[in-house]
Amino acid sequence: MNKFGVLSVLMVLISLFAFFILRGPNADLSLIIIILGSLSLLGIISAVISKRWLSGIVGVLTNGVVLVFVYFLLLAKGIGG
């Protein structure tokens, strides 16, 4: 893995830590959606820039999972009011 592949995987780990730090009963859901979504998009971009097959596939898949989770958070925010 080159530096962009490592950066992509690092974005997933930072997203996980940010989620566990920011969660709770009084959590600002909009802030969580913005932070996780932007970190996931940066991770996908760095995975594509890496130009290595393994780091590209791993980076896009793991950041894609985070992005799907952000979509479900956005959906829950819309349903919850």
PDB file of N, CA and C in Angstrom:
ATOM      1  N   MET A   1       0.845  -1.190   0.000  1.00  0.00           N
ATOM      2  CA  MET A   1       0.000   0.000   0.000  1.00  0.00           C
ATOM      3  C   MET A   1       0.882   1.242   0.000  1.00  0.00           C
ATOM      4  N   ASN A   2       0.507   2.188  -0.795  1.00  0.00           N
ATOM      5  CA  ASN A   2       1.226   3.460  -0.786  1.00  0.00           C
ATOM      6  C   ASN A   2       0.552   4.425   0.182  1.00  0.00           C
ATOM      7  N   LYS A   3       1.020   5.662   0.205  1.00  0.00           N
ATOM      8  CA  LYS A   3       0.533   6.594   1.222  1.00  0.00           C
ATOM      9  C   LYS A   3      -0.940   6.943   1.065  1.00  0.00           C
ATOM     10  N   PHE A   4      -1.453   6.960  -0.161  1.00  0.00           N
ATOM     11  CA  PHE A   4      -2.873   7.265  -0.341  1.00  0.00           C
ATOM     12  C   PHE A   4      -3.759   6.093   0.085  1.00  0.00           C
ATOM     13  N   GLY A   5      -3.292   4.870  -0.098  1.00  0.00           N
ATOM     14  CA  GLY A   5      -4.035   3.706   0.379  1.00  0.00           C
ATOM     15  C   GLY A   5      -4.110   3.672   1.891  1.00  0.00           C
ATOM     16  N   VAL A   6      -2.996   3.980   2.537  1.00  0.00           N
ATOM     17  CA  VAL A   6      -2.985   4.035   4.002  1.00  0.00           C
ATOM     18  C   VAL A   6      -3.879   5.171   4.488  1.00  0.00           C
ATOM     19  N   LEU A   7      -3.859   6.303   3.795  1.00  0.00           N
ATOM     20  CA  LEU A   7      -4.717   7.425   4.161  1.00  0.00           C
ATOM     21  C   LEU A   7      -6.193   7.054   4.037  1.00  0.00           C
ATOM     22  N   SER A   8      -6.534   6.265   3.033  1.00  0.00           N
ATOM     23  CA  SER A   8      -7.914   5.835   2.850  1.00  0.00           C
ATOM     24  C   SER A   8      -8.379   4.944   4.002  1.00  0.00           C
ATOM     25  N   VAL A   9      -7.544   3.999   4.391  1.00  0.00           N
ATOM     26  CA  VAL A   9      -7.891   3.128   5.518  1.00  0.00           C
ATOM     27  C   VAL A   9      -7.909   3.936   6.816  1.00  0.00           C
ATOM     28  N   LEU A  10      -7.026   4.906   6.939  1.00  0.00           N
ATOM     29  CA  LEU A  10      -6.987   5.760   8.115  1.00  0.00           C
ATOM     30  C   LEU A  10      -8.272   6.582   8.235  1.00  0.00           C
ATOM     31  N   MET A  11      -8.861   6.990   7.118  1.00  0.00           N
ATOM     32  CA  MET A  11     -10.124   7.735   7.145  1.00  0.00           C
ATOM     33  C   MET A  11     -11.252   6.885   7.717  1.00  0.00           C
ATOM     34  N   VAL A  12     -11.240   5.595   7.431  1.00  0.00           N
ATOM     35  CA  VAL A  12     -12.255   4.701   8.000  1.00  0.00           C
ATOM     36  C   VAL A  12     -12.080   4.604   9.508  1.00  0.00           C
ATOM     37  N   LEU A  13     -10.846   4.456   9.955  1.00  0.00           N
ATOM     38  CA  LEU A  13     -10.598   4.355  11.396  1.00  0.00           C
ATOM     39  C   LEU A  13     -10.954   5.651  12.115  1.00  0.00           C
ATOM     40  N   ILE A  14     -10.636   6.790  11.512  1.00  0.00           N
ATOM     41  CA  ILE A  14     -10.998   8.078  12.103  1.00  0.00           C
ATOM     42  C   ILE A  14     -12.517   8.229  12.149  1.00  0.00           C
ATOM     43  N   SER A  15     -13.214   7.754  11.126  1.00  0.00           N
ATOM     44  CA  SER A  15     -14.673   7.818  11.114  1.00  0.00           C
ATOM     45  C   SER A  15     -15.266   6.983  12.241  1.00  0.00           C
ATOM     46  N   LEU A  16     -14.710   5.802  12.458  1.00  0.00           N
ATOM     47  CA  LEU A  16     -15.208   4.955  13.552  1.00  0.00           C
ATOM     48  C   LEU A  16     -14.979   5.615  14.905  1.00  0.00           C
ATOM     49  N   PHE A  17     -13.778   6.147  15.124  1.00  0.00           N
ATOM     50  CA  PHE A  17     -13.497   6.817  16.392  1.00  0.00           C
ATOM     51  C   PHE A  17     -14.376   8.049  16.570  1.00  0.00           C
ATOM     52  N   ALA A  18     -14.578   8.807  15.504  1.00  0.00           N
ATOM     53  CA  ALA A  18     -15.417  10.006  15.592  1.00  0.00           C
ATOM     54  C   ALA A  18     -16.857   9.627  15.928  1.00  0.00           C
ATOM     55  N   PHE A  19     -17.353   8.536  15.355  1.00  0.00           N
ATOM     56  CA  PHE A  19     -18.715   8.119  15.652  1.00  0.00           C
ATOM     57  C   PHE A  19     -18.870   7.742  17.120  1.00  0.00           C
ATOM     58  N   PHE A  20     -17.907   6.972  17.646  1.00  0.00           N
ATOM     59  CA  PHE A  20     -18.014   6.550  19.038  1.00  0.00           C
ATOM     60  C   PHE A  20     -17.814   7.706  20.011  1.00  0.00           C
ATOM     61  N   ILE A  21     -17.060   8.715  19.620  1.00  0.00           N
ATOM     62  CA  ILE A  21     -16.869   9.882  20.485  1.00  0.00           C
ATOM     63  C   ILE A  21     -18.102  10.780  20.468  1.00  0.00           C
ATOM     64  N   LEU A  22     -18.725  10.967  19.305  1.00  0.00           N
ATOM     65  CA  LEU A  22     -19.816  11.926  19.154  1.00  0.00           C
ATOM     66  C   LEU A  22     -21.200  11.354  19.442  1.00  0.00           C
ATOM     67  N   ARG A  23     -21.326  10.054  19.652  1.00  0.00           N
ATOM     68  CA  ARG A  23     -22.651   9.477  19.856  1.00  0.00           C
ATOM     69  C   ARG A  23     -23.141   9.763  21.261  1.00  0.00           C
ATOM     70  N   GLY A  24     -24.425   9.561  21.479  1.00  0.00           N
ATOM     71  CA  GLY A  24     -25.006   9.760  22.793  1.00  0.00           C
ATOM     72  C   GLY A  24     -26.425  10.274  22.677  1.00  0.00           C
ATOM     73  N   PRO A  25     -27.101  10.437  23.809  1.00  0.00           N
ATOM     74  CA  PRO A  25     -28.497  10.872  23.762  1.00  0.00           C
ATOM     75  C   PRO A  25     -28.662  12.321  23.298  1.00  0.00           C
ATOM     76  N   ASN A  26     -27.680  13.162  23.533  1.00  0.00           N
ATOM     77  CA  ASN A  26     -27.765  14.561  23.117  1.00  0.00           C
ATOM     78  C   ASN A  26     -26.859  14.858  21.938  1.00  0.00           C
ATOM     79  N   ALA A  27     -26.621  13.879  21.095  1.00  0.00           N
ATOM     80  CA  ALA A  27     -25.708  14.043  19.968  1.00  0.00           C
ATOM     81  C   ALA A  27     -26.335  14.913  18.890  1.00  0.00           C
ATOM     82  N   ASP A  28     -25.516  15.738  18.273  1.00  0.00           N
ATOM     83  CA  ASP A  28     -25.955  16.550  17.152  1.00  0.00           C
ATOM     84  C   ASP A  28     -25.815  15.713  15.886  1.00  0.00           C
ATOM     85  N   LEU A  29     -26.947  15.210  15.395  1.00  0.00           N
ATOM     86  CA  LEU A  29     -26.932  14.285  14.266  1.00  0.00           C
ATOM     87  C   LEU A  29     -26.435  14.945  12.989  1.00  0.00           C
ATOM     88  N   SER A  30     -26.714  16.218  12.816  1.00  0.00           N
ATOM     89  CA  SER A  30     -26.235  16.917  11.622  1.00  0.00           C
ATOM     90  C   SER A  30     -24.715  16.991  11.603  1.00  0.00           C
ATOM     91  N   LEU A  31     -24.108  17.242  12.746  1.00  0.00           N
ATOM     92  CA  LEU A  31     -22.651  17.303  12.833  1.00  0.00           C
ATOM     93  C   LEU A  31     -22.028  15.947  12.537  1.00  0.00           C
ATOM     94  N   ILE A  32     -22.624  14.885  13.054  1.00  0.00           N
ATOM     95  CA  ILE A  32     -22.113  13.541  12.809  1.00  0.00           C
ATOM     96  C   ILE A  32     -22.207  13.193  11.329  1.00  0.00           C
ATOM     97  N   ILE A  33     -23.318  13.547  10.694  1.00  0.00           N
ATOM     98  CA  ILE A  33     -23.496  13.262   9.271  1.00  0.00           C
ATOM     99  C   ILE A  33     -22.471  14.014   8.439  1.00  0.00           C
ATOM    100  N   ILE A  34     -22.225  15.272   8.767  1.00  0.00           N
ATOM    101  CA  ILE A  34     -21.256  16.070   8.010  1.00  0.00           C
ATOM    102  C   ILE A  34     -19.846  15.521   8.180  1.00  0.00           C
ATOM    103  N   ILE A  35     -19.462  15.194   9.411  1.00  0.00           N
ATOM    104  CA  ILE A  35     -18.103  14.705   9.666  1.00  0.00           C
ATOM    105  C   ILE A  35     -17.875  13.350   9.009  1.00  0.00           C
ATOM    106  N   LEU A  36     -18.783  12.411   9.231  1.00  0.00           N
ATOM    107  CA  LEU A  36     -18.605  11.077   8.669  1.00  0.00           C
ATOM    108  C   LEU A  36     -18.692  11.077   7.147  1.00  0.00           C
ATOM    109  N   GLY A  37     -19.595  11.878   6.598  1.00  0.00           N
ATOM    110  CA  GLY A  37     -19.721  11.948   5.146  1.00  0.00           C
ATOM    111  C   GLY A  37     -18.495  12.542   4.483  1.00  0.00           C
ATOM    112  N   SER A  38     -17.959  13.602   5.059  1.00  0.00           N
ATOM    113  CA  SER A  38     -16.778  14.225   4.451  1.00  0.00           C
ATOM    114  C   SER A  38     -15.548  13.328   4.595  1.00  0.00           C
ATOM    115  N   LEU A  39     -15.385  12.667   5.741  1.00  0.00           N
ATOM    116  CA  LEU A  39     -14.258  11.745   5.893  1.00  0.00           C
ATOM    117  C   LEU A  39     -14.366  10.566   4.937  1.00  0.00           C
ATOM    118  N   SER A  40     -15.577  10.085   4.723  1.00  0.00           N
ATOM    119  CA  SER A  40     -15.774   8.967   3.812  1.00  0.00           C
ATOM    120  C   SER A  40     -15.484   9.373   2.365  1.00  0.00           C
ATOM    121  N   LEU A  41     -15.933  10.548   1.970  1.00  0.00           N
ATOM    122  CA  LEU A  41     -15.648  11.007   0.608  1.00  0.00           C
ATOM    123  C   LEU A  41     -14.156  11.244   0.395  1.00  0.00           C
ATOM    124  N   LEU A  42     -13.481  11.801   1.392  1.00  0.00           N
ATOM    125  CA  LEU A  42     -12.031  11.971   1.292  1.00  0.00           C
ATOM    126  C   LEU A  42     -11.318  10.623   1.204  1.00  0.00           C
ATOM    127  N   GLY A  43     -11.818   9.639   1.935  1.00  0.00           N
ATOM    128  CA  GLY A  43     -11.244   8.295   1.873  1.00  0.00           C
ATOM    129  C   GLY A  43     -11.434   7.643   0.520  1.00  0.00           C
ATOM    130  N   ILE A  44     -12.596   7.826  -0.086  1.00  0.00           N
ATOM    131  CA  ILE A  44     -12.845   7.261  -1.413  1.00  0.00           C
ATOM    132  C   ILE A  44     -11.956   7.942  -2.447  1.00  0.00           C
ATOM    133  N   ILE A  45     -11.816   9.251  -2.347  1.00  0.00           N
ATOM    134  CA  ILE A  45     -10.957   9.979  -3.295  1.00  0.00           C
ATOM    135  C   ILE A  45      -9.510   9.532  -3.158  1.00  0.00           C
ATOM    136  N   SER A  46      -9.024   9.382  -1.932  1.00  0.00           N
ATOM    137  CA  SER A  46      -7.641   8.954  -1.756  1.00  0.00           C
ATOM    138  C   SER A  46      -7.440   7.500  -2.190  1.00  0.00           C
ATOM    139  N   ALA A  47      -8.474   6.661  -2.086  1.00  0.00           N
ATOM    140  CA  ALA A  47      -8.367   5.284  -2.568  1.00  0.00           C
ATOM    141  C   ALA A  47      -8.266   5.250  -4.087  1.00  0.00           C
ATOM    142  N   VAL A  48      -8.990   6.113  -4.747  1.00  0.00           N
ATOM    143  CA  VAL A  48      -8.930   6.157  -6.212  1.00  0.00           C
ATOM    144  C   VAL A  48      -7.586   6.723  -6.668  1.00  0.00           C
ATOM    145  N   ILE A  49      -7.067   7.696  -5.951  1.00  0.00           N
ATOM    146  CA  ILE A  49      -5.785   8.300  -6.308  1.00  0.00           C
ATOM    147  C   ILE A  49      -4.626   7.327  -6.089  1.00  0.00           C
ATOM    148  N   SER A  50      -4.783   6.363  -5.194  1.00  0.00           N
ATOM    149  CA  SER A  50      -3.677   5.471  -4.834  1.00  0.00           C
ATOM    150  C   SER A  50      -3.177   4.647  -6.026  1.00  0.00           C
ATOM    151  N   LYS A  51      -4.014   4.327  -6.988  1.00  0.00           N
ATOM    152  CA  LYS A  51      -3.674   3.590  -8.205  1.00  0.00           C
ATOM    153  C   LYS A  51      -3.101   2.199  -7.944  1.00  0.00           C
ATOM    154  N   ARG A  52      -3.394   1.656  -6.800  1.00  0.00           N
ATOM    155  CA  ARG A  52      -3.067   0.264  -6.505  1.00  0.00           C
ATOM    156  C   ARG A  52      -4.386  -0.483  -6.376  1.00  0.00           C
ATOM    157  N   TRP A  53      -4.446  -1.671  -6.927  1.00  0.00           N
ATOM    158  CA  TRP A  53      -5.706  -2.398  -6.935  1.00  0.00           C
ATOM    159  C   TRP A  53      -6.172  -2.754  -5.528  1.00  0.00           C
ATOM    160  N   LEU A  54      -5.276  -3.291  -4.733  1.00  0.00           N
ATOM    161  CA  LEU A  54      -5.677  -3.749  -3.401  1.00  0.00           C
ATOM    162  C   LEU A  54      -6.114  -2.587  -2.514  1.00  0.00           C
ATOM    163  N   SER A  55      -5.316  -1.554  -2.449  1.00  0.00           N
ATOM    164  CA  SER A  55      -5.684  -0.422  -1.593  1.00  0.00           C
ATOM    165  C   SER A  55      -6.892   0.310  -2.156  1.00  0.00           C
ATOM    166  N   GLY A  56      -7.047   0.335  -3.459  1.00  0.00           N
ATOM    167  CA  GLY A  56      -8.220   0.971  -4.056  1.00  0.00           C
ATOM    168  C   GLY A  56      -9.506   0.247  -3.732  1.00  0.00           C
ATOM    169  N   ILE A  57      -9.478  -1.073  -3.868  1.00  0.00           N
ATOM    170  CA  ILE A  57     -10.684  -1.860  -3.596  1.00  0.00           C
ATOM    171  C   ILE A  57     -11.030  -1.828  -2.108  1.00  0.00           C
ATOM    172  N   VAL A  58     -10.020  -2.024  -1.260  1.00  0.00           N
ATOM    173  CA  VAL A  58     -10.267  -2.015   0.186  1.00  0.00           C
ATOM    174  C   VAL A  58     -10.744  -0.638   0.633  1.00  0.00           C
ATOM    175  N   GLY A  59     -10.109   0.409   0.132  1.00  0.00           N
ATOM    176  CA  GLY A  59     -10.485   1.765   0.521  1.00  0.00           C
ATOM    177  C   GLY A  59     -11.878   2.150   0.077  1.00  0.00           C
ATOM    178  N   VAL A  60     -12.218   1.829  -1.166  1.00  0.00           N
ATOM    179  CA  VAL A  60     -13.550   2.180  -1.672  1.00  0.00           C
ATOM    180  C   VAL A  60     -14.630   1.377  -0.957  1.00  0.00           C
ATOM    181  N   LEU A  61     -14.384   0.101  -0.713  1.00  0.00           N
ATOM    182  CA  LEU A  61     -15.402  -0.716  -0.044  1.00  0.00           C
ATOM    183  C   LEU A  61     -15.626  -0.284   1.402  1.00  0.00           C
ATOM    184  N   THR A  62     -14.553  -0.081   2.148  1.00  0.00           N
ATOM    185  CA  THR A  62     -14.734   0.285   3.555  1.00  0.00           C
ATOM    186  C   THR A  62     -15.306   1.695   3.701  1.00  0.00           C
ATOM    187  N   ASN A  63     -14.850   2.624   2.886  1.00  0.00           N
ATOM    188  CA  ASN A  63     -15.422   3.968   2.944  1.00  0.00           C
ATOM    189  C   ASN A  63     -16.837   3.988   2.378  1.00  0.00           C
ATOM    190  N   GLY A  64     -17.132   3.084   1.454  1.00  0.00           N
ATOM    191  CA  GLY A  64     -18.497   2.957   0.958  1.00  0.00           C
ATOM    192  C   GLY A  64     -19.449   2.470   2.030  1.00  0.00           C
ATOM    193  N   VAL A  65     -18.984   1.561   2.878  1.00  0.00           N
ATOM    194  CA  VAL A  65     -19.805   1.088   3.999  1.00  0.00           C
ATOM    195  C   VAL A  65     -20.104   2.239   4.954  1.00  0.00           C
ATOM    196  N   VAL A  66     -19.101   3.067   5.228  1.00  0.00           N
ATOM    197  CA  VAL A  66     -19.313   4.232   6.092  1.00  0.00           C
ATOM    198  C   VAL A  66     -20.297   5.199   5.437  1.00  0.00           C
ATOM    199  N   LEU A  67     -20.189   5.380   4.134  1.00  0.00           N
ATOM    200  CA  LEU A  67     -21.093   6.284   3.424  1.00  0.00           C
ATOM    201  C   LEU A  67     -22.528   5.766   3.425  1.00  0.00           C
ATOM    202  N   VAL A  68     -22.723   4.468   3.327  1.00  0.00           N
ATOM    203  CA  VAL A  68     -24.065   3.883   3.425  1.00  0.00           C
ATOM    204  C   VAL A  68     -24.627   4.089   4.828  1.00  0.00           C
ATOM    205  N   PHE A  69     -23.766   3.943   5.847  1.00  0.00           N
ATOM    206  CA  PHE A  69     -24.183   4.196   7.223  1.00  0.00           C
ATOM    207  C   PHE A  69     -24.605   5.653   7.401  1.00  0.00           C
ATOM    208  N   VAL A  70     -23.871   6.570   6.781  1.00  0.00           N
ATOM    209  CA  VAL A  70     -24.230   7.995   6.841  1.00  0.00           C
ATOM    210  C   VAL A  70     -25.571   8.226   6.151  1.00  0.00           C
ATOM    211  N   TYR A  71     -25.820   7.523   5.062  1.00  0.00           N
ATOM    212  CA  TYR A  71     -27.110   7.645   4.387  1.00  0.00           C
ATOM    213  C   TYR A  71     -28.249   7.188   5.302  1.00  0.00           C
ATOM    214  N   PHE A  72     -28.043   6.092   6.022  1.00  0.00           N
ATOM    215  CA  PHE A  72     -29.073   5.629   6.944  1.00  0.00           C
ATOM    216  C   PHE A  72     -29.274   6.608   8.103  1.00  0.00           C
ATOM    217  N   LEU A  73     -28.190   7.244   8.560  1.00  0.00           N
ATOM    218  CA  LEU A  73     -28.340   8.283   9.580  1.00  0.00           C
ATOM    219  C   LEU A  73     -29.146   9.459   9.054  1.00  0.00           C
ATOM    220  N   LEU A  74     -28.877   9.834   7.815  1.00  0.00           N
ATOM    221  CA  LEU A  74     -29.619  10.936   7.190  1.00  0.00           C
ATOM    222  C   LEU A  74     -31.088  10.573   7.035  1.00  0.00           C
ATOM    223  N   LEU A  75     -31.349   9.329   6.676  1.00  0.00           N
ATOM    224  CA  LEU A  75     -32.732   8.847   6.554  1.00  0.00           C
ATOM    225  C   LEU A  75     -33.429   8.854   7.919  1.00  0.00           C
ATOM    226  N   ALA A  76     -32.722   8.424   8.950  1.00  0.00           N
ATOM    227  CA  ALA A  76     -33.303   8.410  10.300  1.00  0.00           C
ATOM    228  C   ALA A  76     -33.556   9.821  10.796  1.00  0.00           C
ATOM    229  N   LYS A  77     -32.697  10.748  10.432  1.00  0.00           N
ATOM    230  CA  LYS A  77     -32.909  12.142  10.833  1.00  0.00           C
ATOM    231  C   LYS A  77     -34.162  12.704  10.161  1.00  0.00           C
ATOM    232  N   GLY A  78     -34.376  12.332   8.905  1.00  0.00           N
ATOM    233  CA  GLY A  78     -35.561  12.794   8.195  1.00  0.00           C
ATOM    234  C   GLY A  78     -36.841  12.202   8.738  1.00  0.00           C
ATOM    235  N   ILE A  79     -36.790  10.946   9.143  1.00  0.00           N
ATOM    236  CA  ILE A  79     -37.985  10.298   9.693  1.00  0.00           C
ATOM    237  C   ILE A  79     -38.276  10.803  11.097  1.00  0.00           C
ATOM    238  N   GLY A  80     -37.206  11.009  11.874  1.00  0.00           N
ATOM    239  CA  GLY A  80     -37.373  11.413  13.267  1.00  0.00           C
ATOM    240  C   GLY A  80     -37.808  12.856  13.442  1.00  0.00           C
ATOM    241  N   GLY A  81     -37.646  13.633  12.442  1.00  0.00           N
ATOM    242  CA  GLY A  81     -38.125  15.011  12.551  1.00  0.00           C
ATOM    243  C   GLY A  81     -37.007  15.929  12.698  1.00  0.00           C
TER     244      GLY A  81
END
